[in-house]
Amino acid sequence: MNLINIIKPNSTMASVLSLFGRVGLSAIFILAAINKIQYFEGNAAYMASSGLPSELLPLVIAFELIGGLFILAGAFTQLTAIAFAGFSIVSALLFHFDLADQMQFLMFFKNIAMAGGFLALAVSGAGKFSIDSKLVESK
C-alpha cells in the first residue's frame, strides 16, 4: 500500500471526494448570497462602512450565488475556482484585515484557507461527477 498516494487520480473515490469538496466550498457562498438577499439593507450599509459602494452588493450576490452553484455542479470549475480564490483573498483584505481582533484574525485566515482550497480545485478539476466531465465526454 502506498501511504503517499492513497487516492488514485480519476478513481471513483477521487470523484466522490471532489464532489464533497465542491459541496463544502460552494455552501458558504450560496448561503452568504441568500443572507445578503435577506438582509440586503444591513449588508449594503456594511459595505458602505468599509469604503465600498453599496451599489456593488447585487454584483456580489450574483457572483456568490451563480458562482457557488457553478462550483456545486462542477460547471466551468477551473475558471470559477480561480475567480473565487481571488474573491476570497480580496474580501479577506478588505473586510477582515484587523488581525489584532481575534474574530477578524480567524475570518481572515478562513478566507485564505478557502482561497487555497479553490486553487487546489482549479488544479484538480471537478471530477467525474460534474457538468465539466459530461461536457468533456461529449466532445
N, C-alpha and C. Protein backbone atom coordinates (compact mmCIF):
# COMPACT_ATOMS: atom_id res chain seq x y z
N MET A 1 0.85 -1.19 0.00
CA MET A 1 0.00 0.00 0.00
C MET A 1 0.89 1.24 0.00
N ASN A 2 0.54 2.18 -0.84
CA ASN A 2 1.28 3.43 -0.95
C ASN A 2 0.65 4.47 -0.02
N LEU A 3 1.35 4.83 1.05
CA LEU A 3 0.81 5.77 2.02
C LEU A 3 0.92 7.22 1.57
N ILE A 4 1.64 7.46 0.51
CA ILE A 4 1.77 8.82 -0.02
C ILE A 4 0.57 9.16 -0.90
N ASN A 5 0.20 8.26 -1.78
CA ASN A 5 -0.90 8.49 -2.73
C ASN A 5 -1.98 7.44 -2.51
N ILE A 6 -2.79 7.63 -1.47
CA ILE A 6 -3.81 6.62 -1.15
C ILE A 6 -5.06 6.76 -2.01
N ILE A 7 -5.24 7.90 -2.65
CA ILE A 7 -6.40 8.11 -3.53
C ILE A 7 -5.88 8.20 -4.95
N LYS A 8 -6.30 7.28 -5.77
CA LYS A 8 -5.83 7.24 -7.16
C LYS A 8 -6.55 8.32 -7.98
N PRO A 9 -5.81 9.09 -8.76
CA PRO A 9 -6.46 10.09 -9.64
C PRO A 9 -7.45 9.40 -10.58
N ASN A 10 -8.53 10.07 -10.88
CA ASN A 10 -9.57 9.58 -11.79
C ASN A 10 -10.30 8.35 -11.27
N SER A 11 -10.14 8.00 -9.99
CA SER A 11 -10.89 6.89 -9.41
C SER A 11 -12.25 7.38 -8.94
N THR A 12 -13.14 6.45 -8.66
CA THR A 12 -14.44 6.82 -8.12
C THR A 12 -14.29 7.54 -6.79
N MET A 13 -13.36 7.08 -5.96
CA MET A 13 -13.13 7.74 -4.67
C MET A 13 -12.68 9.19 -4.87
N ALA A 14 -11.79 9.43 -5.81
CA ALA A 14 -11.34 10.79 -6.09
C ALA A 14 -12.51 11.66 -6.53
N SER A 15 -13.39 11.12 -7.35
CA SER A 15 -14.54 11.89 -7.82
C SER A 15 -15.54 12.16 -6.70
N VAL A 16 -15.76 11.17 -5.83
CA VAL A 16 -16.67 11.37 -4.70
C VAL A 16 -16.10 12.44 -3.75
N LEU A 17 -14.82 12.35 -3.45
CA LEU A 17 -14.21 13.34 -2.56
C LEU A 17 -14.19 14.74 -3.20
N SER A 18 -14.00 14.80 -4.51
CA SER A 18 -14.07 16.09 -5.20
C SER A 18 -15.47 16.68 -5.09
N LEU A 19 -16.49 15.83 -5.26
CA LEU A 19 -17.87 16.28 -5.12
C LEU A 19 -18.12 16.82 -3.71
N PHE A 20 -17.68 16.09 -2.68
CA PHE A 20 -17.86 16.56 -1.30
C PHE A 20 -17.10 17.87 -1.07
N GLY A 21 -15.92 17.98 -1.63
CA GLY A 21 -15.15 19.22 -1.52
C GLY A 21 -15.88 20.38 -2.17
N ARG A 22 -16.47 20.12 -3.34
CA ARG A 22 -17.22 21.18 -4.03
C ARG A 22 -18.45 21.59 -3.23
N VAL A 23 -19.11 20.62 -2.60
CA VAL A 23 -20.27 20.94 -1.76
C VAL A 23 -19.83 21.87 -0.62
N GLY A 24 -18.74 21.51 0.03
CA GLY A 24 -18.25 22.33 1.14
C GLY A 24 -17.83 23.72 0.72
N LEU A 25 -17.10 23.81 -0.38
CA LEU A 25 -16.63 25.13 -0.84
C LEU A 25 -17.78 26.00 -1.35
N SER A 26 -18.77 25.38 -1.96
CA SER A 26 -19.86 26.17 -2.53
C SER A 26 -20.87 26.61 -1.48
N ALA A 27 -21.06 25.80 -0.45
CA ALA A 27 -22.12 26.07 0.53
C ALA A 27 -21.98 27.44 1.17
N ILE A 28 -20.77 27.81 1.56
CA ILE A 28 -20.59 29.07 2.26
C ILE A 28 -20.97 30.26 1.37
N PHE A 29 -20.73 30.15 0.07
CA PHE A 29 -21.05 31.27 -0.82
C PHE A 29 -22.53 31.30 -1.18
N ILE A 30 -23.13 30.15 -1.38
CA ILE A 30 -24.57 30.11 -1.66
C ILE A 30 -25.34 30.65 -0.45
N LEU A 31 -24.96 30.20 0.75
CA LEU A 31 -25.63 30.67 1.96
C LEU A 31 -25.36 32.16 2.21
N ALA A 32 -24.15 32.62 1.92
CA ALA A 32 -23.83 34.04 2.08
C ALA A 32 -24.67 34.89 1.13
N ALA A 33 -24.86 34.42 -0.08
CA ALA A 33 -25.69 35.16 -1.05
C ALA A 33 -27.13 35.25 -0.56
N ILE A 34 -27.65 34.15 -0.04
CA ILE A 34 -29.02 34.14 0.48
C ILE A 34 -29.14 35.11 1.65
N ASN A 35 -28.14 35.11 2.54
CA ASN A 35 -28.12 36.04 3.66
C ASN A 35 -28.09 37.48 3.19
N LYS A 36 -27.29 37.75 2.17
CA LYS A 36 -27.20 39.12 1.65
C LYS A 36 -28.52 39.57 1.03
N ILE A 37 -29.26 38.64 0.44
CA ILE A 37 -30.58 38.97 -0.11
C ILE A 37 -31.55 39.25 1.04
N GLN A 38 -31.55 38.38 2.05
CA GLN A 38 -32.49 38.53 3.17
C GLN A 38 -32.23 39.81 3.96
N TYR A 39 -30.98 40.17 4.13
CA TYR A 39 -30.61 41.33 4.94
C TYR A 39 -29.88 42.35 4.06
N PHE A 40 -30.51 42.66 2.94
CA PHE A 40 -29.88 43.49 1.92
C PHE A 40 -29.43 44.84 2.48
N GLU A 41 -30.33 45.53 3.16
CA GLU A 41 -30.01 46.88 3.65
C GLU A 41 -28.84 46.87 4.63
N GLY A 42 -28.82 45.92 5.54
CA GLY A 42 -27.73 45.82 6.51
C GLY A 42 -26.40 45.50 5.83
N ASN A 43 -26.44 44.61 4.85
CA ASN A 43 -25.22 44.27 4.11
C ASN A 43 -24.73 45.44 3.26
N ALA A 44 -25.67 46.18 2.69
CA ALA A 44 -25.29 47.36 1.90
C ALA A 44 -24.63 48.40 2.81
N ALA A 45 -25.17 48.58 4.01
CA ALA A 45 -24.59 49.53 4.96
C ALA A 45 -23.20 49.06 5.39
N TYR A 46 -23.03 47.76 5.60
CA TYR A 46 -21.72 47.22 5.98
C TYR A 46 -20.69 47.46 4.88
N MET A 47 -21.09 47.24 3.64
CA MET A 47 -20.18 47.50 2.52
C MET A 47 -19.79 48.98 2.48
N ALA A 48 -20.78 49.84 2.64
CA ALA A 48 -20.52 51.29 2.60
C ALA A 48 -19.60 51.70 3.75
N SER A 49 -19.78 51.08 4.92
CA SER A 49 -18.93 51.43 6.07
C SER A 49 -17.49 50.96 5.86
N SER A 50 -17.30 50.03 4.96
CA SER A 50 -15.95 49.54 4.64
C SER A 50 -15.32 50.31 3.49
N GLY A 51 -16.04 51.32 2.99
CA GLY A 51 -15.50 52.16 1.94
C GLY A 51 -15.84 51.71 0.53
N LEU A 52 -16.68 50.70 0.40
CA LEU A 52 -17.09 50.24 -0.94
C LEU A 52 -18.48 50.76 -1.25
N PRO A 53 -18.75 51.05 -2.52
CA PRO A 53 -20.10 51.50 -2.87
C PRO A 53 -21.11 50.37 -2.68
N SER A 54 -22.19 50.68 -2.00
CA SER A 54 -23.22 49.67 -1.75
C SER A 54 -23.87 49.18 -3.04
N GLU A 55 -23.69 49.93 -4.11
CA GLU A 55 -24.24 49.51 -5.41
C GLU A 55 -23.58 48.23 -5.93
N LEU A 56 -22.44 47.86 -5.35
CA LEU A 56 -21.76 46.61 -5.75
C LEU A 56 -22.44 45.37 -5.17
N LEU A 57 -23.28 45.56 -4.16
CA LEU A 57 -23.87 44.41 -3.48
C LEU A 57 -24.63 43.46 -4.42
N PRO A 58 -25.46 43.94 -5.34
CA PRO A 58 -26.12 42.99 -6.25
C PRO A 58 -25.13 42.16 -7.08
N LEU A 59 -24.00 42.77 -7.46
CA LEU A 59 -22.99 42.01 -8.20
C LEU A 59 -22.34 40.95 -7.32
N VAL A 60 -22.09 41.29 -6.07
CA VAL A 60 -21.51 40.33 -5.12
C VAL A 60 -22.48 39.17 -4.92
N ILE A 61 -23.76 39.49 -4.73
CA ILE A 61 -24.78 38.45 -4.55
C ILE A 61 -24.82 37.54 -5.77
N ALA A 62 -24.85 38.11 -6.96
CA ALA A 62 -24.89 37.31 -8.19
C ALA A 62 -23.64 36.44 -8.30
N PHE A 63 -22.48 37.00 -8.02
CA PHE A 63 -21.23 36.24 -8.10
C PHE A 63 -21.25 35.08 -7.12
N GLU A 64 -21.63 35.35 -5.86
CA GLU A 64 -21.63 34.29 -4.85
C GLU A 64 -22.66 33.21 -5.18
N LEU A 65 -23.84 33.61 -5.61
CA LEU A 65 -24.89 32.63 -5.87
C LEU A 65 -24.62 31.83 -7.14
N ILE A 66 -24.38 32.51 -8.24
CA ILE A 66 -24.15 31.82 -9.51
C ILE A 66 -22.84 31.04 -9.47
N GLY A 67 -21.78 31.69 -8.97
CA GLY A 67 -20.50 31.00 -8.85
C GLY A 67 -20.58 29.81 -7.92
N GLY A 68 -21.28 29.98 -6.79
CA GLY A 68 -21.47 28.87 -5.86
C GLY A 68 -22.19 27.70 -6.49
N LEU A 69 -23.21 28.00 -7.28
CA LEU A 69 -23.94 26.93 -7.99
C LEU A 69 -23.06 26.28 -9.06
N PHE A 70 -22.23 27.07 -9.74
CA PHE A 70 -21.28 26.51 -10.70
C PHE A 70 -20.32 25.54 -10.02
N ILE A 71 -19.76 25.94 -8.88
CA ILE A 71 -18.83 25.07 -8.16
C ILE A 71 -19.57 23.81 -7.71
N LEU A 72 -20.75 23.96 -7.16
CA LEU A 72 -21.54 22.82 -6.70
C LEU A 72 -21.79 21.82 -7.83
N ALA A 73 -22.18 22.34 -8.99
CA ALA A 73 -22.49 21.48 -10.13
C ALA A 73 -21.24 21.02 -10.88
N GLY A 74 -20.11 21.64 -10.59
CA GLY A 74 -18.90 21.31 -11.33
C GLY A 74 -18.95 21.85 -12.75
N ALA A 75 -19.41 23.08 -12.89
CA ALA A 75 -19.52 23.71 -14.21
C ALA A 75 -18.52 24.86 -14.29
N PHE A 76 -17.72 24.88 -15.35
CA PHE A 76 -16.69 25.92 -15.51
C PHE A 76 -15.82 26.00 -14.25
N THR A 77 -15.49 24.83 -13.72
CA THR A 77 -14.89 24.73 -12.39
C THR A 77 -13.56 25.44 -12.27
N GLN A 78 -12.66 25.25 -13.21
CA GLN A 78 -11.34 25.85 -13.07
C GLN A 78 -11.42 27.37 -13.08
N LEU A 79 -12.13 27.94 -14.02
CA LEU A 79 -12.27 29.39 -14.10
C LEU A 79 -12.99 29.95 -12.87
N THR A 80 -14.07 29.29 -12.47
CA THR A 80 -14.84 29.76 -11.31
C THR A 80 -14.02 29.64 -10.03
N ALA A 81 -13.27 28.55 -9.89
CA ALA A 81 -12.45 28.36 -8.69
C ALA A 81 -11.36 29.43 -8.61
N ILE A 82 -10.76 29.76 -9.71
CA ILE A 82 -9.74 30.82 -9.71
C ILE A 82 -10.38 32.17 -9.34
N ALA A 83 -11.57 32.43 -9.87
CA ALA A 83 -12.27 33.67 -9.52
C ALA A 83 -12.60 33.71 -8.03
N PHE A 84 -13.05 32.59 -7.47
CA PHE A 84 -13.36 32.55 -6.04
C PHE A 84 -12.10 32.66 -5.18
N ALA A 85 -10.99 32.13 -5.64
CA ALA A 85 -9.74 32.28 -4.89
C ALA A 85 -9.38 33.76 -4.79
N GLY A 86 -9.46 34.47 -5.90
CA GLY A 86 -9.19 35.91 -5.89
C GLY A 86 -10.19 36.66 -5.04
N PHE A 87 -11.46 36.33 -5.16
CA PHE A 87 -12.52 36.97 -4.38
C PHE A 87 -12.28 36.76 -2.89
N SER A 88 -11.88 35.56 -2.50
CA SER A 88 -11.64 35.24 -1.09
C SER A 88 -10.48 36.06 -0.54
N ILE A 89 -9.43 36.21 -1.32
CA ILE A 89 -8.27 36.98 -0.87
C ILE A 89 -8.62 38.47 -0.77
N VAL A 90 -9.29 38.99 -1.79
CA VAL A 90 -9.66 40.41 -1.78
C VAL A 90 -10.60 40.70 -0.61
N SER A 91 -11.60 39.85 -0.40
CA SER A 91 -12.53 40.11 0.71
C SER A 91 -11.84 39.96 2.07
N ALA A 92 -10.85 39.06 2.17
CA ALA A 92 -10.07 38.97 3.41
C ALA A 92 -9.36 40.28 3.69
N LEU A 93 -8.75 40.83 2.66
CA LEU A 93 -8.00 42.08 2.82
C LEU A 93 -8.93 43.27 3.11
N LEU A 94 -10.08 43.31 2.46
CA LEU A 94 -10.98 44.45 2.61
C LEU A 94 -11.80 44.42 3.90
N PHE A 95 -12.21 43.22 4.32
CA PHE A 95 -13.17 43.13 5.42
C PHE A 95 -12.63 42.50 6.70
N HIS A 96 -11.50 41.81 6.63
CA HIS A 96 -11.04 41.06 7.81
C HIS A 96 -9.58 41.31 8.16
N PHE A 97 -9.04 42.46 7.79
CA PHE A 97 -7.61 42.68 7.97
C PHE A 97 -7.24 43.24 9.34
N ASP A 98 -8.19 43.34 10.24
CA ASP A 98 -7.88 43.78 11.60
C ASP A 98 -7.41 42.55 12.39
N LEU A 99 -6.14 42.18 12.19
CA LEU A 99 -5.63 40.94 12.74
C LEU A 99 -5.45 40.98 14.26
N ALA A 100 -5.55 42.14 14.87
CA ALA A 100 -5.48 42.24 16.33
C ALA A 100 -6.79 41.76 16.97
N ASP A 101 -7.88 41.80 16.20
CA ASP A 101 -9.18 41.31 16.65
C ASP A 101 -9.23 39.80 16.37
N GLN A 102 -9.40 39.00 17.40
CA GLN A 102 -9.35 37.53 17.26
C GLN A 102 -10.34 37.02 16.21
N MET A 103 -11.56 37.53 16.20
CA MET A 103 -12.56 37.07 15.24
C MET A 103 -12.14 37.44 13.81
N GLN A 104 -11.66 38.66 13.61
CA GLN A 104 -11.22 39.07 12.28
C GLN A 104 -9.98 38.28 11.84
N PHE A 105 -9.11 37.97 12.80
CA PHE A 105 -7.94 37.13 12.53
C PHE A 105 -8.40 35.77 11.97
N LEU A 106 -9.37 35.16 12.65
CA LEU A 106 -9.89 33.85 12.19
C LEU A 106 -10.59 33.96 10.84
N MET A 107 -11.38 35.01 10.67
CA MET A 107 -12.09 35.20 9.40
C MET A 107 -11.11 35.45 8.26
N PHE A 108 -10.05 36.22 8.53
CA PHE A 108 -9.03 36.49 7.52
C PHE A 108 -8.42 35.17 7.04
N PHE A 109 -7.98 34.34 7.98
CA PHE A 109 -7.31 33.10 7.58
C PHE A 109 -8.28 32.04 7.09
N LYS A 110 -9.56 32.14 7.45
CA LYS A 110 -10.59 31.28 6.83
C LYS A 110 -10.66 31.60 5.34
N ASN A 111 -10.66 32.87 5.01
CA ASN A 111 -10.69 33.27 3.60
C ASN A 111 -9.44 32.81 2.86
N ILE A 112 -8.28 32.93 3.51
CA ILE A 112 -7.04 32.48 2.87
C ILE A 112 -7.08 30.97 2.66
N ALA A 113 -7.59 30.23 3.65
CA ALA A 113 -7.71 28.77 3.50
C ALA A 113 -8.67 28.41 2.37
N MET A 114 -9.79 29.14 2.26
CA MET A 114 -10.73 28.88 1.16
C MET A 114 -10.06 29.15 -0.18
N ALA A 115 -9.28 30.22 -0.26
CA ALA A 115 -8.56 30.51 -1.50
C ALA A 115 -7.66 29.34 -1.86
N GLY A 116 -6.96 28.78 -0.87
CA GLY A 116 -6.12 27.61 -1.12
C GLY A 116 -6.93 26.43 -1.61
N GLY A 117 -8.09 26.20 -1.01
CA GLY A 117 -8.96 25.12 -1.47
C GLY A 117 -9.43 25.33 -2.90
N PHE A 118 -9.77 26.56 -3.22
CA PHE A 118 -10.20 26.85 -4.60
C PHE A 118 -9.06 26.68 -5.60
N LEU A 119 -7.85 27.06 -5.21
CA LEU A 119 -6.71 26.86 -6.12
C LEU A 119 -6.45 25.37 -6.33
N ALA A 120 -6.56 24.57 -5.26
CA ALA A 120 -6.41 23.12 -5.39
C ALA A 120 -7.49 22.55 -6.31
N LEU A 121 -8.72 23.04 -6.16
CA LEU A 121 -9.81 22.60 -7.02
C LEU A 121 -9.56 23.00 -8.47
N ALA A 122 -9.03 24.19 -8.68
CA ALA A 122 -8.73 24.64 -10.04
C ALA A 122 -7.71 23.71 -10.70
N VAL A 123 -6.74 23.25 -9.93
CA VAL A 123 -5.71 22.37 -10.47
C VAL A 123 -6.26 20.97 -10.73
N SER A 124 -7.04 20.46 -9.77
CA SER A 124 -7.51 19.06 -9.88
C SER A 124 -8.73 18.92 -10.77
N GLY A 125 -9.51 19.96 -10.92
CA GLY A 125 -10.74 19.88 -11.70
C GLY A 125 -11.89 19.33 -10.87
N ALA A 126 -13.05 19.26 -11.47
CA ALA A 126 -14.27 18.93 -10.75
C ALA A 126 -14.48 17.44 -10.52
N GLY A 127 -13.80 16.60 -11.25
CA GLY A 127 -14.00 15.17 -11.09
C GLY A 127 -15.11 14.64 -11.99
N LYS A 128 -15.32 13.35 -11.87
CA LYS A 128 -16.25 12.64 -12.76
C LYS A 128 -17.71 13.06 -12.56
N PHE A 129 -18.08 13.40 -11.33
CA PHE A 129 -19.47 13.74 -11.03
C PHE A 129 -19.67 15.25 -11.17
N SER A 130 -19.61 15.72 -12.41
CA SER A 130 -19.68 17.15 -12.67
C SER A 130 -20.18 17.42 -14.08
N ILE A 131 -20.65 18.62 -14.28
CA ILE A 131 -21.04 19.05 -15.63
C ILE A 131 -19.81 19.13 -16.52
N ASP A 132 -18.69 19.62 -15.98
CA ASP A 132 -17.46 19.70 -16.76
C ASP A 132 -17.09 18.34 -17.35
N SER A 133 -17.20 17.30 -16.55
CA SER A 133 -16.87 15.95 -17.02
C SER A 133 -17.80 15.52 -18.15
N LYS A 134 -19.06 15.84 -18.03
CA LYS A 134 -20.03 15.48 -19.08
C LYS A 134 -19.75 16.25 -20.37
N LEU A 135 -19.35 17.52 -20.24
CA LEU A 135 -19.03 18.33 -21.42
C LEU A 135 -17.80 17.80 -22.14
N VAL A 136 -16.80 17.36 -21.37
CA VAL A 136 -15.57 16.82 -21.97
C VAL A 136 -15.86 15.48 -22.64
N GLU A 137 -16.70 14.64 -22.01
CA GLU A 137 -17.06 13.34 -22.59
C GLU A 137 -17.80 13.49 -23.92
N SER A 138 -18.61 14.54 -24.04
CA SER A 138 -19.44 14.70 -25.23
C SER A 138 -18.65 15.20 -26.44
N LYS A 139 -17.40 15.59 -26.24
CA LYS A 139 -16.59 16.10 -27.36
C LYS A 139 -15.93 14.98 -28.11
